[in-house]
N, C-alpha and C. Protein backbone atom coordinates (compact mmCIF):
# COMPACT_ATOMS: atom_id res chain seq x y z
N ASP A 1 0.98 -1.49 0.13
CA ASP A 1 -0.29 -0.13 -0.77
C ASP A 1 0.32 1.04 -0.04
N MET A 2 0.74 2.76 -0.10
CA MET A 2 0.78 3.65 -0.79
C MET A 2 1.65 3.92 0.59
N LEU A 3 0.77 4.01 1.99
CA LEU A 3 1.96 5.04 2.58
C LEU A 3 3.12 3.86 3.48
N ARG A 4 2.89 2.83 3.75
CA ARG A 4 3.71 1.45 4.25
C ARG A 4 4.99 1.88 2.79
N ASN A 5 4.58 2.00 1.54
CA ASN A 5 6.00 1.88 0.48
C ASN A 5 6.75 3.44 0.61
N GLY A 6 5.39 4.07 1.19
CA GLY A 6 6.34 5.32 1.69
C GLY A 6 7.17 5.66 2.79
N GLY A 7 6.82 4.97 3.54
CA GLY A 7 8.01 5.13 4.62
C GLY A 7 7.28 4.91 5.97
N ALA A 8 6.06 4.42 5.85
CA ALA A 8 5.29 4.97 7.65
C ALA A 8 5.96 4.44 8.69
N ASN A 9 6.30 5.45 9.77
CA ASN A 9 6.64 4.58 10.95
C ASN A 9 5.49 4.01 12.20
N MET A 10 5.01 3.97 11.46
CA MET A 10 3.14 3.77 12.63
C MET A 10 2.20 2.38 11.51
N PRO A 11 1.87 2.35 12.69
CA PRO A 11 0.97 1.20 12.28
C PRO A 11 -0.72 1.39 12.26
N MET A 12 -1.40 0.68 10.50
CA MET A 12 -2.16 0.92 9.84
C MET A 12 -3.28 0.23 10.28
N ILE A 13 -4.86 1.08 10.59
CA ILE A 13 -5.64 0.01 10.72
C ILE A 13 -6.04 -0.38 9.08
N GLN A 14 -6.19 -1.27 9.24
CA GLN A 14 -7.18 -2.37 7.74
C GLN A 14 -8.48 -2.23 8.48
N SER A 15 -8.94 -2.57 7.39
CA SER A 15 -10.53 -3.17 7.27
C SER A 15 -11.70 -3.34 8.59
N ALA A 16 -11.46 -1.41 8.35
CA ALA A 16 -11.93 -0.61 9.97
C ALA A 16 -12.24 0.81 9.84
N PRO A 17 -13.30 0.97 7.97
CA PRO A 17 -12.93 2.41 8.01
C PRO A 17 -13.18 3.58 9.29
N TYR A 18 -13.70 3.13 10.47
CA TYR A 18 -14.55 4.28 11.00
C TYR A 18 -13.71 3.63 12.54
N LEU A 19 -12.78 3.30 12.73
CA LEU A 19 -11.65 3.01 14.28
C LEU A 19 -10.78 4.06 13.24
N GLU A 20 -10.70 4.84 14.35
CA GLU A 20 -9.61 6.22 13.89
C GLU A 20 -8.22 5.64 14.82
N PRO A 21 -7.25 5.57 14.63
CA PRO A 21 -6.01 5.97 15.39
C PRO A 21 -5.25 6.75 15.61
N TYR A 22 -4.50 6.63 16.47
CA TYR A 22 -3.90 7.36 17.19
C TYR A 22 -2.60 6.87 17.81
N TRP A 23 -1.01 7.26 17.36
CA TRP A 23 -0.51 6.33 17.05
C TRP A 23 0.72 7.66 18.16
N PHE A 24 1.68 6.53 19.13
CA PHE A 24 2.60 7.60 20.02
C PHE A 24 3.90 7.07 20.45
N GLU A 25 4.01 6.92 20.80
CA GLU A 25 5.37 6.50 21.71
C GLU A 25 6.28 7.20 23.03
N HIS A 26 6.06 6.42 23.76
CA HIS A 26 5.98 7.20 25.45
C HIS A 26 6.85 5.88 26.31
N GLN A 27 7.65 5.93 27.14
CA GLN A 27 8.78 6.16 27.86
C GLN A 27 8.88 4.69 27.34
N ASN A 28 9.30 4.02 26.21
CA ASN A 28 10.32 3.05 25.75
C ASN A 28 9.24 1.80 25.01
N GLY A 29 7.83 2.74 24.84
CA GLY A 29 6.79 1.76 24.60
C GLY A 29 6.18 2.01 23.08
N HIS A 30 5.36 1.91 22.37
CA HIS A 30 4.83 2.38 21.50
C HIS A 30 3.26 2.05 21.91
N TRP A 31 2.36 3.01 21.02
CA TRP A 31 1.33 2.68 22.23
C TRP A 31 0.29 2.99 21.04
N LEU A 32 -1.25 3.26 20.79
CA LEU A 32 -2.34 2.75 19.93
C LEU A 32 -3.76 3.08 20.24
N TYR A 33 -3.68 4.50 20.42
CA TYR A 33 -5.73 4.70 21.00
C TYR A 33 -6.09 4.82 19.99
N LEU A 34 -7.60 3.56 19.89
CA LEU A 34 -8.40 3.34 19.41
C LEU A 34 -9.57 4.23 19.65
N VAL A 35 -10.24 5.03 18.65
CA VAL A 35 -11.95 4.89 18.57
C VAL A 35 -12.25 4.77 17.39
N ASN A 36 -13.93 4.51 18.17
CA ASN A 36 -14.27 3.50 17.18
C ASN A 36 -16.02 4.58 17.21
N GLY A 37 -15.69 5.36 15.77
CA GLY A 37 -17.13 6.34 15.80
C GLY A 37 -17.82 5.22 14.79
N SER A 38 -18.19 4.63 14.69
CA SER A 38 -19.04 3.73 14.11
C SER A 38 -20.23 3.75 15.04
N THR A 39 -21.33 2.94 14.53
CA THR A 39 -21.77 2.56 15.14
C THR A 39 -22.40 1.07 15.15
N ASP A 40 -21.80 0.36 15.04
CA ASP A 40 -21.34 -0.99 15.00
C ASP A 40 -20.08 -1.02 15.07
N ASP A 41 -20.27 -2.61 16.50
CA ASP A 41 -19.08 -3.19 17.06
C ASP A 41 -17.23 -3.24 16.04
N VAL A 42 -16.70 -3.05 16.85
CA VAL A 42 -15.21 -3.40 15.19
C VAL A 42 -15.11 -5.31 16.51
N LYS A 43 -15.34 -6.33 15.28
CA LYS A 43 -15.47 -7.23 15.94
C LYS A 43 -13.45 -8.26 16.22
N GLU A 44 -12.39 -7.50 15.57
CA GLU A 44 -11.13 -7.65 15.11
C GLU A 44 -10.57 -6.66 14.82
N ILE A 45 -9.35 -6.79 15.11
CA ILE A 45 -8.32 -5.72 14.70
C ILE A 45 -7.62 -5.60 13.96
N HIS A 46 -7.18 -5.20 12.98
CA HIS A 46 -5.93 -5.77 12.09
C HIS A 46 -5.25 -4.58 11.51
N LEU A 47 -4.10 -4.86 11.76
CA LEU A 47 -3.12 -3.46 11.42
C LEU A 47 -2.08 -4.43 10.84
N ALA A 48 -1.77 -3.10 9.64
CA ALA A 48 -0.45 -3.03 8.87
C ALA A 48 0.53 -2.51 9.91
N LEU A 49 1.92 -3.39 10.12
CA LEU A 49 1.99 -2.55 11.08
C LEU A 49 3.73 -2.25 9.85
N PRO A 50 4.45 -1.02 10.55
CA PRO A 50 5.97 -1.10 9.58
C PRO A 50 6.77 -1.90 10.03
N VAL A 51 7.83 -2.17 9.28
CA VAL A 51 9.29 -2.63 9.28
C VAL A 51 9.76 -2.86 10.64
N HIS A 52 10.18 -1.88 11.19
CA HIS A 52 10.35 -1.85 12.66
C HIS A 52 9.85 -2.83 13.56
N LEU A 53 8.03 -2.45 13.80
CA LEU A 53 7.37 -2.94 15.05
C LEU A 53 7.07 -4.34 14.76
N HIS A 54 7.39 -5.26 15.31
CA HIS A 54 6.53 -6.82 16.03
C HIS A 54 6.08 -6.85 16.36
N ALA A 55 4.49 -7.12 16.88
CA ALA A 55 4.47 -7.55 17.89
C ALA A 55 3.57 -9.31 18.15
N GLU A 56 3.99 -9.80 19.15
CA GLU A 56 3.33 -11.39 19.64
C GLU A 56 1.85 -10.94 20.69
N GLU A 57 1.95 -9.83 21.33
CA GLU A 57 0.85 -9.64 22.22
C GLU A 57 1.35 -8.15 22.52
N VAL A 58 -0.03 -7.85 22.83
CA VAL A 58 -0.14 -6.13 23.42
C VAL A 58 -1.15 -6.43 24.86
N GLU A 59 -1.09 -4.95 25.37
CA GLU A 59 -1.80 -5.08 26.61
C GLU A 59 -2.55 -3.69 26.31
N PHE A 60 -3.81 -3.97 26.40
CA PHE A 60 -4.80 -2.77 26.16
C PHE A 60 -5.98 -2.50 27.53
N TRP A 61 -6.27 -1.68 27.34
CA TRP A 61 -7.35 -1.37 28.75
C TRP A 61 -8.16 -0.17 27.63
N SER A 62 -9.69 -0.80 28.38
CA SER A 62 -10.89 -0.36 27.53
C SER A 62 -10.65 1.01 27.84
N SER A 63 -12.22 1.44 27.68
CA SER A 63 -13.11 2.85 28.58
C SER A 63 -13.54 3.14 29.74
N SER A 64 -13.54 1.58 30.02
CA SER A 64 -13.59 1.16 31.43
C SER A 64 -12.75 0.99 32.49
N GLY A 65 -11.99 1.00 31.53
CA GLY A 65 -10.54 1.10 32.74
C GLY A 65 -10.10 -0.08 32.81
N ALA A 66 -10.70 -1.41 32.33
CA ALA A 66 -10.39 -2.44 32.52
C ALA A 66 -8.90 -3.31 31.63
N CYS A 67 -7.53 -3.86 31.88
CA CYS A 67 -6.49 -3.54 31.37
C CYS A 67 -6.16 -5.16 31.24
N ALA A 68 -6.15 -5.85 30.16
CA ALA A 68 -5.75 -7.37 29.88
C ALA A 68 -4.84 -7.95 28.76
N THR A 69 -4.37 -9.01 28.83
CA THR A 69 -3.03 -8.42 27.65
C THR A 69 -3.54 -9.68 25.90
N VAL A 70 -3.63 -9.92 24.78
CA VAL A 70 -4.61 -10.35 23.94
C VAL A 70 -2.92 -10.48 22.99
N ARG A 71 -3.06 -12.20 22.98
CA ARG A 71 -1.81 -12.41 21.98
C ARG A 71 -2.24 -12.35 20.56
N CYS A 72 -1.98 -11.88 19.63
CA CYS A 72 -1.70 -11.28 18.41
C CYS A 72 -1.52 -12.12 17.15
N VAL A 73 -2.39 -12.69 16.23
CA VAL A 73 -2.00 -13.81 14.88
C VAL A 73 -1.28 -12.69 13.88
N PRO A 74 -0.36 -12.89 13.48
CA PRO A 74 0.36 -12.68 12.07
C PRO A 74 -0.02 -13.17 11.50
N GLU A 75 -0.77 -12.61 9.99
CA GLU A 75 -0.49 -12.33 9.16
C GLU A 75 0.07 -11.51 7.49
N SER A 76 1.00 -12.71 7.00
CA SER A 76 2.09 -11.82 7.13
C SER A 76 2.84 -10.70 7.22
N ASN A 77 3.12 -9.42 6.80
CA ASN A 77 3.82 -8.02 7.59
C ASN A 77 2.20 -7.81 8.45
N ASP A 78 0.68 -8.18 8.98
CA ASP A 78 0.13 -7.42 9.69
C ASP A 78 0.13 -8.66 10.87
N ILE A 79 -0.92 -8.44 11.96
CA ILE A 79 -1.36 -8.53 12.89
C ILE A 79 -2.72 -8.24 12.55
N SER A 80 -3.65 -9.66 13.17
CA SER A 80 -4.63 -9.50 13.96
C SER A 80 -4.98 -9.57 15.43
N ILE A 81 -5.35 -8.83 15.78
CA ILE A 81 -5.83 -9.43 17.45
C ILE A 81 -7.55 -9.62 17.53
N ALA A 82 -7.75 -10.29 18.08
CA ALA A 82 -9.06 -10.65 18.51
C ALA A 82 -9.38 -9.56 19.74
N LEU A 83 -9.80 -8.93 19.22
CA LEU A 83 -10.54 -7.83 20.89
C LEU A 83 -11.70 -7.47 19.57
N THR A 84 -12.67 -6.73 21.18
CA THR A 84 -13.63 -5.97 20.32
C THR A 84 -13.52 -4.93 20.78
N VAL A 85 -14.05 -4.48 19.75
CA VAL A 85 -13.97 -2.46 20.08
C VAL A 85 -15.65 -1.69 20.20
N PRO A 86 -16.23 -1.70 20.95
CA PRO A 86 -17.86 -1.95 21.42
C PRO A 86 -17.60 -0.16 20.14
N CYS A 87 -19.40 -0.03 19.65
CA CYS A 87 -19.41 1.55 19.15
C CYS A 87 -19.79 2.34 19.39
N MET A 88 -18.87 3.42 19.58
CA MET A 88 -18.50 4.84 20.22
C MET A 88 -17.48 4.49 21.33
N GLU A 89 -17.23 3.22 21.49
CA GLU A 89 -16.01 3.39 22.63
C GLU A 89 -14.57 3.15 21.82
N SER A 90 -13.60 3.58 23.02
CA SER A 90 -12.58 3.30 22.79
C SER A 90 -11.69 2.28 23.50
N VAL A 91 -10.28 2.12 22.72
CA VAL A 91 -9.26 1.21 23.97
C VAL A 91 -7.98 1.55 22.94
N LEU A 92 -6.67 1.42 24.15
CA LEU A 92 -5.32 1.52 24.37
C LEU A 92 -4.94 0.50 24.44
N LEU A 93 -4.16 0.19 23.30
CA LEU A 93 -3.32 -0.45 22.75
C LEU A 93 -1.38 -0.48 22.98
N ARG A 94 -0.74 -1.37 24.17
CA ARG A 94 0.66 -1.17 24.17
C ARG A 94 1.16 -2.10 22.58
N LEU A 95 2.13 -1.78 22.45
CA LEU A 95 2.33 -3.27 21.09
C LEU A 95 3.73 -3.46 21.58
N GLY A 96 3.87 -4.65 21.40
CA GLY A 96 5.76 -5.15 21.23
C GLY A 96 5.89 -5.46 22.79
């Protein structure tokens, strides 16, 4: 895709056009804040990762404050995360 070929250094959401990503690095961690602006739940998160970033599992915090860890499923250069983001809600992920 165009951004990855252009050297984008952040993960990109795939197959969820209303899942808005906010990417930042803090305290040696890679963080992705996702806001679901849709009236439908996102049942699974698909991320295209930059070359320098690998993730076998992610920690996540829901908007209710609950924290958990979930394993990532590799898909070529991308990953899939079995995590539901409810409609009009957000999650914070720590990758790597």
